[in-house]
Amino acid sequence: MSITSIFEEIVTERKRQEYLKSIGKFSFTCRDDLVAHEKKLSVLVEEVGEVSKDINGYTSTVDKYIKKSMLLPTHRAIYFLGKIRTELIQVATVCVAWIESIDYAIECLK
């Protein structure tokens, strides 16, 4: 994948987050100006925690195969790497939303 397509995924995820907020699934996104930085940080840390959870799942599965002197099947590796990648896109998206909020605040202060 190219960096452009990765950034397109982040933009798509940003739109999805705003849509989910608009239908009431989220009470805010990190783009919202009146949300405290502490709340935005907790959202980011939660997303990073999901990356960690998926990495732990991947690692323990690899370890199980190693104990049996087997290689992790390709389809299982792709599955776990895909989950990690999805969560990393969400981490990046939360960061982008938060940056949007900060940029807006800076513009308002000028």
N, C-alpha and C. Protein backbone atom coordinates (compact mmCIF):
# COMPACT_ATOMS: atom_id res chain seq x y z
N MET A 1 0.84 -1.19 0.00
CA MET A 1 0.00 0.00 0.00
C MET A 1 0.88 1.25 0.00
N SER A 2 0.38 2.25 -0.64
CA SER A 2 1.11 3.51 -0.68
C SER A 2 0.72 4.37 0.52
N ILE A 3 1.56 5.31 0.82
CA ILE A 3 1.26 6.23 1.93
C ILE A 3 -0.04 6.99 1.66
N THR A 4 -0.29 7.29 0.38
CA THR A 4 -1.52 7.99 0.02
C THR A 4 -2.74 7.16 0.36
N SER A 5 -2.70 5.89 0.06
CA SER A 5 -3.86 5.05 0.37
C SER A 5 -4.04 4.87 1.87
N ILE A 6 -2.96 4.86 2.61
CA ILE A 6 -3.07 4.79 4.06
C ILE A 6 -3.73 6.05 4.61
N PHE A 7 -3.30 7.20 4.11
CA PHE A 7 -3.92 8.46 4.55
C PHE A 7 -5.39 8.53 4.13
N GLU A 8 -5.73 7.95 2.99
CA GLU A 8 -7.13 7.90 2.57
C GLU A 8 -7.95 7.06 3.55
N GLU A 9 -7.37 5.98 4.05
CA GLU A 9 -8.05 5.16 5.06
C GLU A 9 -8.29 5.96 6.34
N ILE A 10 -7.31 6.77 6.71
CA ILE A 10 -7.46 7.59 7.92
C ILE A 10 -8.58 8.61 7.73
N VAL A 11 -8.64 9.22 6.55
CA VAL A 11 -9.72 10.18 6.26
C VAL A 11 -11.08 9.47 6.31
N THR A 12 -11.16 8.29 5.73
CA THR A 12 -12.41 7.53 5.75
C THR A 12 -12.81 7.20 7.18
N GLU A 13 -11.83 6.80 8.00
CA GLU A 13 -12.12 6.50 9.40
C GLU A 13 -12.55 7.75 10.16
N ARG A 14 -11.96 8.90 9.84
CA ARG A 14 -12.38 10.17 10.49
C ARG A 14 -13.84 10.44 10.19
N LYS A 15 -14.22 10.27 8.92
CA LYS A 15 -15.63 10.48 8.54
C LYS A 15 -16.54 9.49 9.26
N ARG A 16 -16.08 8.25 9.39
CA ARG A 16 -16.87 7.22 10.07
C ARG A 16 -17.08 7.59 11.54
N GLN A 17 -16.02 8.09 12.19
CA GLN A 17 -16.14 8.48 13.59
C GLN A 17 -17.15 9.61 13.77
N GLU A 18 -17.09 10.59 12.87
CA GLU A 18 -18.06 11.70 12.96
C GLU A 18 -19.49 11.21 12.71
N TYR A 19 -19.63 10.26 11.80
CA TYR A 19 -20.94 9.68 11.53
C TYR A 19 -21.46 8.96 12.78
N LEU A 20 -20.60 8.15 13.40
CA LEU A 20 -21.01 7.43 14.60
C LEU A 20 -21.41 8.39 15.72
N LYS A 21 -20.71 9.50 15.81
CA LYS A 21 -21.10 10.53 16.79
C LYS A 21 -22.47 11.09 16.44
N SER A 22 -22.71 11.33 15.15
CA SER A 22 -23.97 11.93 14.72
C SER A 22 -25.18 11.02 14.97
N ILE A 23 -24.96 9.71 15.02
CA ILE A 23 -26.07 8.79 15.29
C ILE A 23 -26.12 8.37 16.76
N GLY A 24 -25.24 8.96 17.58
CA GLY A 24 -25.30 8.76 19.02
C GLY A 24 -24.46 7.62 19.58
N LYS A 25 -23.66 6.98 18.74
CA LYS A 25 -22.79 5.90 19.26
C LYS A 25 -21.69 6.46 20.15
N PHE A 26 -21.16 7.65 19.80
CA PHE A 26 -20.17 8.35 20.61
C PHE A 26 -20.79 9.67 21.07
N SER A 27 -20.42 10.11 22.26
CA SER A 27 -20.90 11.43 22.70
C SER A 27 -20.00 12.55 22.19
N PHE A 28 -18.77 12.19 21.79
CA PHE A 28 -17.85 13.18 21.23
C PHE A 28 -16.77 12.47 20.44
N THR A 29 -16.07 13.25 19.63
CA THR A 29 -14.83 12.76 19.02
C THR A 29 -13.72 13.70 19.48
N CYS A 30 -12.50 13.32 19.21
CA CYS A 30 -11.37 14.15 19.62
C CYS A 30 -11.29 15.45 18.82
N ARG A 31 -12.11 15.60 17.81
CA ARG A 31 -12.17 16.85 17.06
C ARG A 31 -12.97 17.91 17.81
N ASP A 32 -13.84 17.50 18.71
CA ASP A 32 -14.72 18.45 19.41
C ASP A 32 -13.90 19.42 20.24
N ASP A 33 -14.22 20.68 20.07
CA ASP A 33 -13.45 21.76 20.69
C ASP A 33 -13.65 21.88 22.19
N LEU A 34 -14.82 21.53 22.69
CA LEU A 34 -15.11 21.74 24.10
C LEU A 34 -14.79 20.52 24.97
N VAL A 35 -14.18 19.53 24.38
CA VAL A 35 -13.80 18.33 25.13
C VAL A 35 -12.38 18.52 25.67
N ALA A 36 -12.20 18.22 26.95
CA ALA A 36 -10.91 18.41 27.60
C ALA A 36 -9.85 17.48 27.01
N HIS A 37 -8.62 17.94 27.03
CA HIS A 37 -7.51 17.14 26.53
C HIS A 37 -7.40 15.80 27.28
N GLU A 38 -7.73 15.81 28.56
CA GLU A 38 -7.67 14.57 29.33
C GLU A 38 -8.61 13.51 28.76
N LYS A 39 -9.80 13.92 28.34
CA LYS A 39 -10.75 12.96 27.75
C LYS A 39 -10.23 12.47 26.40
N LYS A 40 -9.64 13.37 25.64
CA LYS A 40 -9.08 12.98 24.34
C LYS A 40 -7.93 12.00 24.54
N LEU A 41 -7.11 12.26 25.55
CA LEU A 41 -6.02 11.34 25.85
C LEU A 41 -6.54 9.96 26.23
N SER A 42 -7.63 9.93 26.99
CA SER A 42 -8.17 8.63 27.39
C SER A 42 -8.68 7.85 26.18
N VAL A 43 -9.22 8.54 25.19
CA VAL A 43 -9.65 7.88 23.95
C VAL A 43 -8.43 7.32 23.22
N LEU A 44 -7.40 8.13 23.12
CA LEU A 44 -6.17 7.68 22.44
C LEU A 44 -5.55 6.48 23.16
N VAL A 45 -5.47 6.55 24.47
CA VAL A 45 -4.87 5.46 25.24
C VAL A 45 -5.72 4.19 25.09
N GLU A 46 -7.03 4.33 25.03
CA GLU A 46 -7.89 3.16 24.84
C GLU A 46 -7.60 2.51 23.49
N GLU A 47 -7.42 3.32 22.46
CA GLU A 47 -7.09 2.78 21.13
C GLU A 47 -5.71 2.11 21.14
N VAL A 48 -4.75 2.73 21.80
CA VAL A 48 -3.41 2.12 21.91
C VAL A 48 -3.52 0.80 22.68
N GLY A 49 -4.37 0.77 23.69
CA GLY A 49 -4.59 -0.47 24.43
C GLY A 49 -5.13 -1.58 23.55
N GLU A 50 -5.98 -1.23 22.59
CA GLU A 50 -6.48 -2.23 21.66
C GLU A 50 -5.37 -2.76 20.76
N VAL A 51 -4.44 -1.89 20.38
CA VAL A 51 -3.27 -2.35 19.62
C VAL A 51 -2.49 -3.35 20.47
N SER A 52 -2.26 -3.01 21.72
CA SER A 52 -1.52 -3.88 22.63
C SER A 52 -2.23 -5.22 22.79
N LYS A 53 -3.54 -5.20 22.95
CA LYS A 53 -4.31 -6.44 23.10
C LYS A 53 -4.12 -7.33 21.88
N ASP A 54 -4.20 -6.74 20.69
CA ASP A 54 -4.04 -7.53 19.46
C ASP A 54 -2.61 -8.06 19.30
N ILE A 55 -1.64 -7.26 19.71
CA ILE A 55 -0.25 -7.74 19.68
C ILE A 55 -0.08 -8.91 20.64
N ASN A 56 -0.66 -8.81 21.83
CA ASN A 56 -0.58 -9.91 22.79
C ASN A 56 -1.22 -11.18 22.24
N GLY A 57 -2.36 -11.03 21.56
CA GLY A 57 -3.02 -12.18 20.95
C GLY A 57 -2.15 -12.82 19.88
N TYR A 58 -1.52 -11.98 19.09
CA TYR A 58 -0.61 -12.45 18.03
C TYR A 58 0.58 -13.19 18.65
N THR A 59 1.20 -12.57 19.63
CA THR A 59 2.39 -13.14 20.27
C THR A 59 2.07 -14.46 20.95
N SER A 60 0.95 -14.52 21.69
CA SER A 60 0.65 -15.79 22.36
C SER A 60 0.31 -16.89 21.37
N THR A 61 -0.29 -16.54 20.26
CA THR A 61 -0.58 -17.55 19.24
C THR A 61 0.72 -18.05 18.62
N VAL A 62 1.63 -17.13 18.30
CA VAL A 62 2.94 -17.53 17.76
C VAL A 62 3.65 -18.45 18.75
N ASP A 63 3.62 -18.09 20.03
CA ASP A 63 4.28 -18.90 21.06
C ASP A 63 3.72 -20.32 21.12
N LYS A 64 2.39 -20.44 20.98
CA LYS A 64 1.77 -21.77 21.00
C LYS A 64 2.28 -22.63 19.84
N TYR A 65 2.41 -22.01 18.68
CA TYR A 65 2.92 -22.75 17.52
C TYR A 65 4.40 -23.12 17.71
N ILE A 66 5.17 -22.21 18.28
CA ILE A 66 6.60 -22.48 18.51
C ILE A 66 6.77 -23.66 19.47
N LYS A 67 5.95 -23.70 20.53
CA LYS A 67 6.03 -24.80 21.50
C LYS A 67 5.77 -26.15 20.83
N LYS A 68 4.95 -26.14 19.79
CA LYS A 68 4.65 -27.38 19.07
C LYS A 68 5.61 -27.58 17.88
N SER A 69 6.64 -26.75 17.84
CA SER A 69 7.63 -26.79 16.74
C SER A 69 6.96 -26.64 15.37
N MET A 70 5.99 -25.72 15.33
CA MET A 70 5.27 -25.46 14.08
C MET A 70 5.39 -23.98 13.74
N LEU A 71 5.22 -23.70 12.48
CA LEU A 71 5.16 -22.31 12.04
C LEU A 71 3.71 -21.83 12.07
N LEU A 72 3.55 -20.57 12.42
CA LEU A 72 2.22 -19.97 12.38
C LEU A 72 1.73 -19.97 10.94
N PRO A 73 0.55 -20.53 10.68
CA PRO A 73 0.04 -20.53 9.30
C PRO A 73 -0.10 -19.10 8.78
N THR A 74 0.15 -18.94 7.51
CA THR A 74 0.10 -17.61 6.88
C THR A 74 -1.23 -16.92 7.10
N HIS A 75 -2.33 -17.65 6.97
CA HIS A 75 -3.64 -17.02 7.13
C HIS A 75 -3.85 -16.49 8.55
N ARG A 76 -3.26 -17.16 9.55
CA ARG A 76 -3.36 -16.67 10.92
C ARG A 76 -2.51 -15.41 11.12
N ALA A 77 -1.31 -15.40 10.54
CA ALA A 77 -0.46 -14.21 10.63
C ALA A 77 -1.14 -13.02 9.98
N ILE A 78 -1.72 -13.25 8.80
CA ILE A 78 -2.42 -12.16 8.09
C ILE A 78 -3.59 -11.66 8.93
N TYR A 79 -4.31 -12.56 9.55
CA TYR A 79 -5.45 -12.18 10.40
C TYR A 79 -5.00 -11.26 11.53
N PHE A 80 -3.98 -11.68 12.29
CA PHE A 80 -3.51 -10.88 13.41
C PHE A 80 -2.89 -9.55 12.96
N LEU A 81 -2.10 -9.58 11.91
CA LEU A 81 -1.50 -8.34 11.42
C LEU A 81 -2.58 -7.38 10.92
N GLY A 82 -3.63 -7.91 10.32
CA GLY A 82 -4.74 -7.07 9.87
C GLY A 82 -5.45 -6.40 11.04
N LYS A 83 -5.63 -7.15 12.14
CA LYS A 83 -6.26 -6.57 13.33
C LYS A 83 -5.39 -5.45 13.91
N ILE A 84 -4.10 -5.69 14.00
CA ILE A 84 -3.18 -4.67 14.52
C ILE A 84 -3.21 -3.44 13.63
N ARG A 85 -3.19 -3.67 12.32
CA ARG A 85 -3.20 -2.56 11.35
C ARG A 85 -4.48 -1.73 11.51
N THR A 86 -5.61 -2.40 11.65
CA THR A 86 -6.89 -1.69 11.81
C THR A 86 -6.85 -0.79 13.04
N GLU A 87 -6.33 -1.32 14.13
CA GLU A 87 -6.26 -0.51 15.35
C GLU A 87 -5.28 0.65 15.19
N LEU A 88 -4.19 0.43 14.48
CA LEU A 88 -3.24 1.53 14.25
C LEU A 88 -3.87 2.63 13.40
N ILE A 89 -4.71 2.27 12.44
CA ILE A 89 -5.44 3.29 11.67
C ILE A 89 -6.32 4.09 12.61
N GLN A 90 -6.96 3.42 13.56
CA GLN A 90 -7.81 4.14 14.52
C GLN A 90 -6.99 5.04 15.44
N VAL A 91 -5.81 4.59 15.85
CA VAL A 91 -4.92 5.44 16.65
C VAL A 91 -4.56 6.69 15.86
N ALA A 92 -4.16 6.50 14.61
CA ALA A 92 -3.79 7.65 13.76
C ALA A 92 -4.97 8.59 13.58
N THR A 93 -6.16 8.02 13.43
CA THR A 93 -7.35 8.84 13.22
C THR A 93 -7.67 9.68 14.45
N VAL A 94 -7.55 9.09 15.62
CA VAL A 94 -7.78 9.86 16.85
C VAL A 94 -6.77 11.00 16.94
N CYS A 95 -5.52 10.73 16.60
CA CYS A 95 -4.50 11.78 16.61
C CYS A 95 -4.84 12.90 15.63
N VAL A 96 -5.28 12.53 14.45
CA VAL A 96 -5.64 13.54 13.44
C VAL A 96 -6.79 14.40 13.95
N ALA A 97 -7.80 13.77 14.53
CA ALA A 97 -8.94 14.53 15.06
C ALA A 97 -8.50 15.49 16.15
N TRP A 98 -7.64 15.03 17.01
CA TRP A 98 -7.14 15.87 18.10
C TRP A 98 -6.33 17.03 17.55
N ILE A 99 -5.50 16.77 16.55
CA ILE A 99 -4.72 17.83 15.91
C ILE A 99 -5.65 18.85 15.26
N GLU A 100 -6.72 18.39 14.62
CA GLU A 100 -7.71 19.31 14.03
C GLU A 100 -8.25 20.25 15.10
N SER A 101 -8.56 19.69 16.26
CA SER A 101 -9.10 20.47 17.36
C SER A 101 -8.10 21.52 17.85
N ILE A 102 -6.85 21.12 17.97
CA ILE A 102 -5.80 22.04 18.41
C ILE A 102 -5.59 23.15 17.38
N ASP A 103 -5.55 22.76 16.10
CA ASP A 103 -5.37 23.77 15.05
C ASP A 103 -6.51 24.79 15.06
N TYR A 104 -7.73 24.30 15.28
CA TYR A 104 -8.88 25.21 15.35
C TYR A 104 -8.72 26.17 16.55
N ALA A 105 -8.32 25.64 17.69
CA ALA A 105 -8.13 26.49 18.88
C ALA A 105 -7.05 27.55 18.64
N ILE A 106 -5.96 27.16 18.00
CA ILE A 106 -4.89 28.11 17.69
C ILE A 106 -5.41 29.22 16.77
N GLU A 107 -6.17 28.83 15.76
CA GLU A 107 -6.73 29.83 14.82
C GLU A 107 -7.66 30.79 15.55
N CYS A 108 -8.43 30.27 16.46
CA CYS A 108 -9.36 31.13 17.22
C CYS A 108 -8.63 32.11 18.13
N LEU A 109 -7.44 31.72 18.58
CA LEU A 109 -6.67 32.57 19.47
C LEU A 109 -5.90 33.67 18.75
N LYS A 110 -5.76 33.53 17.45
CA LYS A 110 -4.98 34.54 16.70
C LYS A 110 -5.76 35.81 16.51
